[in-house]
Amino acid sequence: GVYHCAARAYRGSHYVCYRSESDYDYWGQGTQVT
């Protein structure tokens, strides 16, 4: 697939992260993995 990284601004906890794309604010262009 195409792999993208994304950044999510701090929203109150350093001790949890989320894997829902709607939570993320900034995205890279992606890199293809086959």
Full PDB file with SEQRES, HELIX, SHEET, SSBOND, CRYST1, ORIGX, SCALE, CONECT and MASTER records, all heavy atoms in Angstrom:
SEQRES   1 A   34  GLY VAL TYR HIS CYS ALA ALA ARG ALA TYR ARG GLY SER          
SEQRES   2 A   34  HIS TYR VAL CYS TYR ARG SER GLU SER ASP TYR ASP TYR          
SEQRES   3 A   34  TRP GLY GLN GLY THR GLN VAL THR                              
HELIX    1 AA1 GLU A   21  ASP A   23  5                                   3    
SHEET    1 AA1 2 VAL A   2  TYR A   3  0                                        
SHEET    2 AA1 2 THR A  31  GLN A  32 -1                                        
SHEET    1 AA2 2 ALA A   6  ALA A   7  0                                        
SHEET    2 AA2 2 TYR A  26  TRP A  27 -1                                        
CRYST1    1.000    1.000    1.000  90.00  90.00  90.00 P 1           1          
ORIGX1      1.000000  0.000000  0.000000        0.00000                         
ORIGX2      0.000000  1.000000  0.000000        0.00000                         
ORIGX3      0.000000  0.000000  1.000000        0.00000                         
SCALE1      1.000000  0.000000  0.000000        0.00000                         
SCALE2      0.000000  1.000000  0.000000        0.00000                         
SCALE3      0.000000  0.000000  1.000000        0.00000                         
ATOM      1  N   GLY A   1       0.818  -1.197   0.000  1.00  0.00           N  
ATOM      2  CA  GLY A   1       0.000   0.000   0.000  1.00  0.00           C  
ATOM      3  C   GLY A   1       0.856   1.251   0.000  1.00  0.00           C  
ATOM      4  O   GLY A   1       2.087   1.170   0.039  1.00  0.00           O  
ATOM      5  N   VAL A   2       0.199   2.390  -0.021  1.00  0.00           N  
ATOM      6  CA  VAL A   2       0.880   3.667   0.145  1.00  0.00           C  
ATOM      7  C   VAL A   2       0.865   4.000   1.632  1.00  0.00           C  
ATOM      8  O   VAL A   2      -0.200   4.019   2.256  1.00  0.00           O  
ATOM      9  CB  VAL A   2       0.202   4.783  -0.672  1.00  0.00           C  
ATOM     10  CG1 VAL A   2       0.913   6.117  -0.431  1.00  0.00           C  
ATOM     11  CG2 VAL A   2       0.196   4.426  -2.149  1.00  0.00           C  
ATOM     12  N   TYR A   3       2.032   4.238   2.165  1.00  0.00           N  
ATOM     13  CA  TYR A   3       2.186   4.526   3.595  1.00  0.00           C  
ATOM     14  C   TYR A   3       2.384   6.032   3.783  1.00  0.00           C  
ATOM     15  O   TYR A   3       3.272   6.629   3.166  1.00  0.00           O  
ATOM     16  CB  TYR A   3       3.365   3.758   4.174  1.00  0.00           C  
ATOM     17  CG  TYR A   3       3.061   2.299   4.419  1.00  0.00           C  
ATOM     18  CD1 TYR A   3       2.852   1.422   3.356  1.00  0.00           C  
ATOM     19  CD2 TYR A   3       2.949   1.795   5.713  1.00  0.00           C  
ATOM     20  CE1 TYR A   3       2.546   0.082   3.580  1.00  0.00           C  
ATOM     21  CE2 TYR A   3       2.651   0.458   5.943  1.00  0.00           C  
ATOM     22  CZ  TYR A   3       2.450  -0.387   4.875  1.00  0.00           C  
ATOM     23  OH  TYR A   3       2.146  -1.711   5.102  1.00  0.00           O  
ATOM     24  N   HIS A   4       1.555   6.587   4.660  1.00  0.00           N  
ATOM     25  CA  HIS A   4       1.620   8.006   4.989  1.00  0.00           C  
ATOM     26  C   HIS A   4       1.925   8.158   6.477  1.00  0.00           C  
ATOM     27  O   HIS A   4       1.431   7.370   7.291  1.00  0.00           O  
ATOM     28  CB  HIS A   4       0.288   8.696   4.738  1.00  0.00           C  
ATOM     29  CG  HIS A   4      -0.180   8.689   3.326  1.00  0.00           C  
ATOM     30  ND1 HIS A   4       0.057   9.736   2.450  1.00  0.00           N  
ATOM     31  CD2 HIS A   4      -0.877   7.761   2.623  1.00  0.00           C  
ATOM     32  CE1 HIS A   4      -0.485   9.452   1.283  1.00  0.00           C  
ATOM     33  NE2 HIS A   4      -1.056   8.257   1.355  1.00  0.00           N  
ATOM     34  N   CYS A   5       2.706   9.182   6.809  1.00  0.00           N  
ATOM     35  CA  CYS A   5       2.788   9.562   8.210  1.00  0.00           C  
ATOM     36  C   CYS A   5       1.960  10.835   8.405  1.00  0.00           C  
ATOM     37  O   CYS A   5       1.722  11.596   7.460  1.00  0.00           O  
ATOM     38  CB  CYS A   5       4.224   9.764   8.679  1.00  0.00           C  
ATOM     39  SG  CYS A   5       5.132  11.103   7.894  1.00  0.00           S  
ATOM     40  N   ALA A   6       1.518  11.028   9.637  1.00  0.00           N  
ATOM     41  CA  ALA A   6       0.669  12.163   9.956  1.00  0.00           C  
ATOM     42  C   ALA A   6       0.980  12.643  11.365  1.00  0.00           C  
ATOM     43  O   ALA A   6       1.416  11.854  12.215  1.00  0.00           O  
ATOM     44  CB  ALA A   6      -0.799  11.774   9.836  1.00  0.00           C  
ATOM     45  N   ALA A   7       0.749  13.912  11.608  1.00  0.00           N  
ATOM     46  CA  ALA A   7       1.023  14.514  12.906  1.00  0.00           C  
ATOM     47  C   ALA A   7      -0.263  15.049  13.524  1.00  0.00           C  
ATOM     48  O   ALA A   7      -1.122  15.613  12.825  1.00  0.00           O  
ATOM     49  CB  ALA A   7       2.041  15.639  12.752  1.00  0.00           C  
ATOM     50  N   ARG A   8      -0.360  14.871  14.834  1.00  0.00           N  
ATOM     51  CA  ARG A   8      -1.537  15.304  15.586  1.00  0.00           C  
ATOM     52  C   ARG A   8      -1.054  16.217  16.711  1.00  0.00           C  
ATOM     53  O   ARG A   8      -0.256  15.801  17.552  1.00  0.00           O  
ATOM     54  CB  ARG A   8      -2.246  14.082  16.161  1.00  0.00           C  
ATOM     55  CG  ARG A   8      -3.452  14.363  17.029  1.00  0.00           C  
ATOM     56  CD  ARG A   8      -4.049  13.041  17.500  1.00  0.00           C  
ATOM     57  NE  ARG A   8      -5.281  13.206  18.242  1.00  0.00           N  
ATOM     58  CZ  ARG A   8      -5.354  13.332  19.568  1.00  0.00           C  
ATOM     59  NH1 ARG A   8      -4.254  13.311  20.291  1.00  0.00           N  
ATOM     60  NH2 ARG A   8      -6.524  13.477  20.160  1.00  0.00           N  
ATOM     61  N   ALA A   9      -1.547  17.432  16.710  1.00  0.00           N  
ATOM     62  CA  ALA A   9      -1.132  18.381  17.734  1.00  0.00           C  
ATOM     63  C   ALA A   9      -1.559  17.898  19.122  1.00  0.00           C  
ATOM     64  O   ALA A   9      -2.584  17.235  19.266  1.00  0.00           O  
ATOM     65  CB  ALA A   9      -1.726  19.748  17.443  1.00  0.00           C  
ATOM     66  N   TYR A  10      -0.783  18.270  20.114  1.00  0.00           N  
ATOM     67  CA  TYR A  10      -1.062  17.880  21.497  1.00  0.00           C  
ATOM     68  C   TYR A  10      -2.455  18.328  21.914  1.00  0.00           C  
ATOM     69  O   TYR A  10      -2.847  19.471  21.704  1.00  0.00           O  
ATOM     70  CB  TYR A  10      -0.004  18.512  22.411  1.00  0.00           C  
ATOM     71  CG  TYR A  10      -0.242  18.297  23.881  1.00  0.00           C  
ATOM     72  CD1 TYR A  10      -0.049  17.036  24.445  1.00  0.00           C  
ATOM     73  CD2 TYR A  10      -0.648  19.339  24.708  1.00  0.00           C  
ATOM     74  CE1 TYR A  10      -0.260  16.834  25.797  1.00  0.00           C  
ATOM     75  CE2 TYR A  10      -0.849  19.143  26.048  1.00  0.00           C  
ATOM     76  CZ  TYR A  10      -0.658  17.881  26.596  1.00  0.00           C  
ATOM     77  OH  TYR A  10      -0.866  17.683  27.929  1.00  0.00           O  
ATOM     78  N   ARG A  11      -3.207  17.408  22.523  1.00  0.00           N  
ATOM     79  CA  ARG A  11      -4.566  17.723  22.951  1.00  0.00           C  
ATOM     80  C   ARG A  11      -4.830  17.338  24.397  1.00  0.00           C  
ATOM     81  O   ARG A  11      -5.973  17.114  24.784  1.00  0.00           O  
ATOM     82  CB  ARG A  11      -5.579  17.041  22.040  1.00  0.00           C  
ATOM     83  CG  ARG A  11      -5.702  17.636  20.641  1.00  0.00           C  
ATOM     84  CD  ARG A  11      -6.753  16.899  19.827  1.00  0.00           C  
ATOM     85  NE  ARG A  11      -7.029  17.411  18.517  1.00  0.00           N  
ATOM     86  CZ  ARG A  11      -6.283  17.263  17.441  1.00  0.00           C  
ATOM     87  NH1 ARG A  11      -5.147  16.635  17.539  1.00  0.00           N  
ATOM     88  NH2 ARG A  11      -6.646  17.744  16.277  1.00  0.00           N  
ATOM     89  N   GLY A  12      -3.780  17.219  25.183  1.00  0.00           N  
ATOM     90  CA  GLY A  12      -4.025  17.047  26.609  1.00  0.00           C  
ATOM     91  C   GLY A  12      -3.395  15.837  27.249  1.00  0.00           C  
ATOM     92  O   GLY A  12      -3.369  15.744  28.469  1.00  0.00           O  
ATOM     93  N   SER A  13      -2.870  14.888  26.476  1.00  0.00           N  
ATOM     94  CA  SER A  13      -2.222  13.735  27.087  1.00  0.00           C  
ATOM     95  C   SER A  13      -1.017  13.310  26.254  1.00  0.00           C  
ATOM     96  O   SER A  13      -1.095  13.219  25.039  1.00  0.00           O  
ATOM     97  CB  SER A  13      -3.187  12.551  27.203  1.00  0.00           C  
ATOM     98  OG  SER A  13      -2.495  11.416  27.705  1.00  0.00           O  
ATOM     99  N   HIS A  14       0.081  13.068  26.961  1.00  0.00           N  
ATOM    100  CA  HIS A  14       1.269  12.521  26.313  1.00  0.00           C  
ATOM    101  C   HIS A  14       1.297  11.000  26.385  1.00  0.00           C  
ATOM    102  O   HIS A  14       2.267  10.384  25.952  1.00  0.00           O  
ATOM    103  CB  HIS A  14       2.527  13.051  27.009  1.00  0.00           C  
ATOM    104  CG  HIS A  14       2.722  14.525  26.842  1.00  0.00           C  
ATOM    105  ND1 HIS A  14       2.887  15.128  25.610  1.00  0.00           N  
ATOM    106  CD2 HIS A  14       2.798  15.516  27.747  1.00  0.00           C  
ATOM    107  CE1 HIS A  14       3.058  16.430  25.784  1.00  0.00           C  
ATOM    108  NE2 HIS A  14       3.003  16.701  27.070  1.00  0.00           N  
ATOM    109  N   TYR A  15       0.243  10.392  26.971  1.00  0.00           N  
ATOM    110  CA  TYR A  15       0.303   8.971  27.305  1.00  0.00           C  
ATOM    111  C   TYR A  15      -0.661   8.114  26.494  1.00  0.00           C  
ATOM    112  O   TYR A  15      -0.927   6.965  26.838  1.00  0.00           O  
ATOM    113  CB  TYR A  15       0.066   8.795  28.807  1.00  0.00           C  
ATOM    114  CG  TYR A  15       1.141   9.487  29.604  1.00  0.00           C  
ATOM    115  CD1 TYR A  15       0.924  10.764  30.140  1.00  0.00           C  
ATOM    116  CD2 TYR A  15       2.383   8.895  29.777  1.00  0.00           C  
ATOM    117  CE1 TYR A  15       1.932  11.414  30.833  1.00  0.00           C  
ATOM    118  CE2 TYR A  15       3.388   9.538  30.478  1.00  0.00           C  
ATOM    119  CZ  TYR A  15       3.159  10.793  31.001  1.00  0.00           C  
ATOM    120  OH  TYR A  15       4.149  11.431  31.684  1.00  0.00           O  
ATOM    121  N   VAL A  16      -1.166   8.671  25.428  1.00  0.00           N  
ATOM    122  CA  VAL A  16      -2.040   7.901  24.551  1.00  0.00           C  
ATOM    123  C   VAL A  16      -1.903   8.459  23.143  1.00  0.00           C  
ATOM    124  O   VAL A  16      -1.666   9.647  22.958  1.00  0.00           O  
ATOM    125  CB  VAL A  16      -3.505   7.968  25.041  1.00  0.00           C  
ATOM    126  CG1 VAL A  16      -4.045   9.388  24.965  1.00  0.00           C  
ATOM    127  CG2 VAL A  16      -4.378   7.013  24.254  1.00  0.00           C  
ATOM    128  N   CYS A  17      -2.007   7.586  22.148  1.00  0.00           N  
ATOM    129  CA  CYS A  17      -2.084   8.051  20.763  1.00  0.00           C  
ATOM    130  C   CYS A  17      -3.196   7.269  20.069  1.00  0.00           C  
ATOM    131  O   CYS A  17      -3.630   6.219  20.553  1.00  0.00           O  
ATOM    132  CB  CYS A  17      -0.749   7.884  20.035  1.00  0.00           C  
ATOM    133  SG  CYS A  17      -0.202   6.185  19.790  1.00  0.00           S  
ATOM    134  N   TYR A  18      -3.636   7.795  18.945  1.00  0.00           N  
ATOM    135  CA  TYR A  18      -4.795   7.251  18.261  1.00  0.00           C  
ATOM    136  C   TYR A  18      -4.448   6.890  16.828  1.00  0.00           C  
ATOM    137  O   TYR A  18      -3.601   7.521  16.204  1.00  0.00           O  
ATOM    138  CB  TYR A  18      -5.942   8.262  18.294  1.00  0.00           C  
ATOM    139  CG  TYR A  18      -6.361   8.625  19.694  1.00  0.00           C  
ATOM    140  CD1 TYR A  18      -5.835   9.748  20.328  1.00  0.00           C  
ATOM    141  CD2 TYR A  18      -7.243   7.821  20.405  1.00  0.00           C  
ATOM    142  CE1 TYR A  18      -6.197  10.071  21.630  1.00  0.00           C  
ATOM    143  CE2 TYR A  18      -7.604   8.136  21.700  1.00  0.00           C  
ATOM    144  CZ  TYR A  18      -7.083   9.257  22.308  1.00  0.00           C  
ATOM    145  OH  TYR A  18      -7.429   9.563  23.589  1.00  0.00           O  
ATOM    146  N   ARG A  19      -5.103   5.896  16.303  1.00  0.00           N  
ATOM    147  CA  ARG A  19      -4.844   5.443  14.933  1.00  0.00           C  
ATOM    148  C   ARG A  19      -6.002   5.774  14.001  1.00  0.00           C  
ATOM    149  O   ARG A  19      -6.110   5.183  12.939  1.00  0.00           O  
ATOM    150  CB  ARG A  19      -4.544   3.947  14.934  1.00  0.00           C  
ATOM    151  CG  ARG A  19      -3.212   3.602  15.601  1.00  0.00           C  
ATOM    152  CD  ARG A  19      -2.912   2.114  15.510  1.00  0.00           C  
ATOM    153  NE  ARG A  19      -3.747   1.329  16.389  1.00  0.00           N  
ATOM    154  CZ  ARG A  19      -4.778   0.584  15.992  1.00  0.00           C  
ATOM    155  NH1 ARG A  19      -5.114   0.542  14.727  1.00  0.00           N  
ATOM    156  NH2 ARG A  19      -5.467  -0.120  16.867  1.00  0.00           N  
ATOM    157  N   SER A  20      -6.826   6.728  14.364  1.00  0.00           N  
ATOM    158  CA  SER A  20      -7.916   7.157  13.500  1.00  0.00           C  
ATOM    159  C   SER A  20      -7.453   8.357  12.687  1.00  0.00           C  
ATOM    160  O   SER A  20      -6.969   9.352  13.240  1.00  0.00           O  
ATOM    161  CB  SER A  20      -9.121   7.555  14.345  1.00  0.00           C  
ATOM    162  OG  SER A  20     -10.103   8.163  13.533  1.00  0.00           O  
ATOM    163  N   GLU A  21      -7.622   8.287  11.376  1.00  0.00           N  
ATOM    164  CA  GLU A  21      -7.091   9.357  10.528  1.00  0.00           C  
ATOM    165  C   GLU A  21      -7.758  10.692  10.806  1.00  0.00           C  
ATOM    166  O   GLU A  21      -7.136  11.744  10.607  1.00  0.00           O  
ATOM    167  CB  GLU A  21      -7.201   8.982   9.055  1.00  0.00           C  
ATOM    168  CG  GLU A  21      -8.598   8.801   8.521  1.00  0.00           C  
ATOM    169  CD  GLU A  21      -8.582   8.542   7.022  1.00  0.00           C  
ATOM    170  OE1 GLU A  21      -8.073   9.377   6.274  1.00  0.00           O  
ATOM    171  OE2 GLU A  21      -9.102   7.490   6.602  1.00  0.00           O  
ATOM    172  N   SER A  22      -8.988  10.681  11.292  1.00  0.00           N  
ATOM    173  CA  SER A  22      -9.691  11.936  11.556  1.00  0.00           C  
ATOM    174  C   SER A  22      -9.064  12.718  12.710  1.00  0.00           C  
ATOM    175  O   SER A  22      -9.345  13.896  12.888  1.00  0.00           O  
ATOM    176  CB  SER A  22     -11.159  11.673  11.835  1.00  0.00           C  
ATOM    177  OG  SER A  22     -11.307  10.882  13.001  1.00  0.00           O  
ATOM    178  N   ASP A  23      -8.222  12.070  13.501  1.00  0.00           N  
ATOM    179  CA  ASP A  23      -7.577  12.737  14.629  1.00  0.00           C  
ATOM    180  C   ASP A  23      -6.342  13.538  14.208  1.00  0.00           C  
ATOM    181  O   ASP A  23      -5.803  14.288  15.007  1.00  0.00           O  
ATOM    182  CB  ASP A  23      -7.140  11.713  15.689  1.00  0.00           C  
ATOM    183  CG  ASP A  23      -8.328  11.181  16.475  1.00  0.00           C  
ATOM    184  OD1 ASP A  23      -9.155  11.999  16.909  1.00  0.00           O  
ATOM    185  OD2 ASP A  23      -8.420   9.950  16.639  1.00  0.00           O  
ATOM    186  N   TYR A  24      -5.876  13.367  12.978  1.00  0.00           N  
ATOM    187  CA  TYR A  24      -4.591  13.929  12.570  1.00  0.00           C  
ATOM    188  C   TYR A  24      -4.742  15.183  11.734  1.00  0.00           C  
ATOM    189  O   TYR A  24      -5.683  15.328  10.946  1.00  0.00           O  
ATOM    190  CB  TYR A  24      -3.760  12.855  11.845  1.00  0.00           C  
ATOM    191  CG  TYR A  24      -3.230  11.855  12.840  1.00  0.00           C  
ATOM    192  CD1 TYR A  24      -4.055  10.851  13.345  1.00  0.00           C  
ATOM    193  CD2 TYR A  24      -1.934  11.957  13.339  1.00  0.00           C  
ATOM    194  CE1 TYR A  24      -3.588   9.965  14.310  1.00  0.00           C  
ATOM    195  CE2 TYR A  24      -1.461  11.067  14.289  1.00  0.00           C  
ATOM    196  CZ  TYR A  24      -2.291  10.074  14.773  1.00  0.00           C  
ATOM    197  OH  TYR A  24      -1.834   9.200  15.733  1.00  0.00           O  
ATOM    198  N   ASP A  25      -3.781  16.090  11.950  1.00  0.00           N  
ATOM    199  CA  ASP A  25      -3.879  17.430  11.383  1.00  0.00           C  
ATOM    200  C   ASP A  25      -3.021  17.640  10.147  1.00  0.00           C  
ATOM    201  O   ASP A  25      -3.375  18.427   9.270  1.00  0.00           O  
ATOM    202  CB  ASP A  25      -3.448  18.457  12.450  1.00  0.00           C  
ATOM    203  CG  ASP A  25      -4.210  18.290  13.755  1.00  0.00           C  
ATOM    204  OD1 ASP A  25      -5.458  18.344  13.704  1.00  0.00           O  
ATOM    205  OD2 ASP A  25      -3.563  18.114  14.815  1.00  0.00           O  
ATOM    206  N   TYR A  26      -1.869  16.983  10.083  1.00  0.00           N  
ATOM    207  CA  TYR A  26      -0.915  17.220   9.006  1.00  0.00           C  
ATOM    208  C   TYR A  26      -0.480  15.875   8.427  1.00  0.00           C  
ATOM    209  O   TYR A  26      -0.245  14.925   9.176  1.00  0.00           O  
ATOM    210  CB  TYR A  26       0.313  17.994   9.533  1.00  0.00           C  
ATOM    211  CG  TYR A  26      -0.043  19.247  10.269  1.00  0.00           C  
ATOM    212  CD1 TYR A  26      -0.055  19.273  11.663  1.00  0.00           C  
ATOM    213  CD2 TYR A  26      -0.398  20.398   9.582  1.00  0.00           C  
ATOM    214  CE1 TYR A  26      -0.403  20.418  12.348  1.00  0.00           C  
ATOM    215  CE2 TYR A  26      -0.748  21.550  10.261  1.00  0.00           C  
ATOM    216  CZ  TYR A  26      -0.757  21.557  11.635  1.00  0.00           C  
ATOM    217  OH  TYR A  26      -1.104  22.685  12.310  1.00  0.00           O  
ATOM    218  N   TRP A  27      -0.332  15.852   7.110  1.00  0.00           N  
ATOM    219  CA  TRP A  27      -0.056  14.590   6.413  1.00  0.00           C  
ATOM    220  C   TRP A  27       1.115  14.754   5.445  1.00  0.00           C  
ATOM    221  O   TRP A  27       1.273  15.802   4.808  1.00  0.00           O  
ATOM    222  CB  TRP A  27      -1.288  14.153   5.622  1.00  0.00           C  
ATOM    223  CG  TRP A  27      -2.408  13.728   6.507  1.00  0.00           C  
ATOM    224  CD1 TRP A  27      -3.296  14.534   7.162  1.00  0.00           C  
ATOM    225  CD2 TRP A  27      -2.749  12.394   6.867  1.00  0.00           C  
ATOM    226  NE1 TRP A  27      -4.173  13.780   7.900  1.00  0.00           N  
ATOM    227  CE2 TRP A  27      -3.862  12.465   7.738  1.00  0.00           C  
ATOM    228  CE3 TRP A  27      -2.239  11.144   6.528  1.00  0.00           C  
ATOM    229  CZ2 TRP A  27      -4.461  11.323   8.274  1.00  0.00           C  
ATOM    230  CZ3 TRP A  27      -2.829  10.013   7.055  1.00  0.00           C  
ATOM    231  CH2 TRP A  27      -3.928  10.108   7.928  1.00  0.00           C  
ATOM    232  N   GLY A  28       1.880  13.666   5.300  1.00  0.00           N  
ATOM    233  CA  GLY A  28       2.887  13.598   4.265  1.00  0.00           C  
ATOM    234  C   GLY A  28       2.292  13.081   2.967  1.00  0.00           C  
ATOM    235  O   GLY A  28       1.127  12.674   2.911  1.00  0.00           O  
ATOM    236  N   GLN A  29       3.121  13.040   1.943  1.00  0.00           N  
ATOM    237  CA  GLN A  29       2.622  12.696   0.608  1.00  0.00           C  
ATOM    238  C   GLN A  29       2.570  11.190   0.377  1.00  0.00           C  
ATOM    239  O   GLN A  29       1.926  10.731  -0.561  1.00  0.00           O  
ATOM    240  CB  GLN A  29       3.506  13.337  -0.476  1.00  0.00           C  
ATOM    241  CG  GLN A  29       4.779  12.569  -0.823  1.00  0.00           C  
ATOM    242  CD  GLN A  29       5.824  12.586   0.273  1.00  0.00           C  
ATOM    243  OE1 GLN A  29       5.741  13.343   1.233  1.00  0.00           O  
ATOM    244  NE2 GLN A  29       6.850  11.739   0.143  1.00  0.00           N  
ATOM    245  N   GLY A  30       3.249  10.424   1.209  1.00  0.00           N  
ATOM    246  CA  GLY A  30       3.190   8.965   1.117  1.00  0.00           C  
ATOM    247  C   GLY A  30       4.371   8.345   0.391  1.00  0.00           C  
ATOM    248  O   GLY A  30       5.046   8.995  -0.403  1.00  0.00           O  
ATOM    249  N   THR A  31       4.598   7.077   0.703  1.00  0.00           N  
ATOM    250  CA  THR A  31       5.631   6.290   0.029  1.00  0.00           C  
ATOM    251  C   THR A  31       5.060   4.903  -0.264  1.00  0.00           C  
ATOM    252  O   THR A  31       4.376   4.320   0.573  1.00  0.00           O  
ATOM    253  CB  THR A  31       6.911   6.212   0.882  1.00  0.00           C  
ATOM    254  OG1 THR A  31       7.952   5.562   0.146  1.00  0.00           O  
ATOM    255  CG2 THR A  31       6.697   5.493   2.211  1.00  0.00           C  
ATOM    256  N   GLN A  32       5.336   4.387  -1.452  1.00  0.00           N  
ATOM    257  CA  GLN A  32       4.749   3.119  -1.893  1.00  0.00           C  
ATOM    258  C   GLN A  32       5.550   1.953  -1.336  1.00  0.00           C  
ATOM    259  O   GLN A  32       6.782   1.913  -1.435  1.00  0.00           O  
ATOM    260  CB  GLN A  32       4.733   3.041  -3.422  1.00  0.00           C  
ATOM    261  CG  GLN A  32       4.230   1.719  -3.978  1.00  0.00           C  
ATOM    262  CD  GLN A  32       2.743   1.514  -3.754  1.00  0.00           C  
ATOM    263  OE1 GLN A  32       1.940   2.422  -3.978  1.00  0.00           O  
ATOM    264  NE2 GLN A  32       2.364   0.302  -3.313  1.00  0.00           N  
ATOM    265  N   VAL A  33       4.826   1.004  -0.765  1.00  0.00           N  
ATOM    266  CA  VAL A  33       5.416  -0.257  -0.310  1.00  0.00           C  
ATOM    267  C   VAL A  33       4.727  -1.388  -1.054  1.00  0.00           C  
ATOM    268  O   VAL A  33       3.497  -1.476  -1.047  1.00  0.00           O  
ATOM    269  CB  VAL A  33       5.227  -0.433   1.214  1.00  0.00           C  
ATOM    270  CG1 VAL A  33       5.638  -1.837   1.656  1.00  0.00           C  
ATOM    271  CG2 VAL A  33       6.023   0.621   1.969  1.00  0.00           C  
ATOM    272  N   THR A  34       5.511  -2.226  -1.713  1.00  0.00           N  
ATOM    273  CA  THR A  34       4.973  -3.346  -2.470  1.00  0.00           C  
ATOM    274  C   THR A  34       5.675  -4.620  -2.022  1.00  0.00           C  
ATOM    275  O   THR A  34       6.906  -4.707  -2.059  1.00  0.00           O  
ATOM    276  CB  THR A  34       5.170  -3.159  -3.974  1.00  0.00           C  
ATOM    277  OG1 THR A  34       4.570  -1.932  -4.389  1.00  0.00           O  
ATOM    278  CG2 THR A  34       4.544  -4.317  -4.750  1.00  0.00           C  
TER     279      THR A  34                                                      
MASTER        0    0    0    1    4    0    0    6  278    1    0    3          
END                                                                             
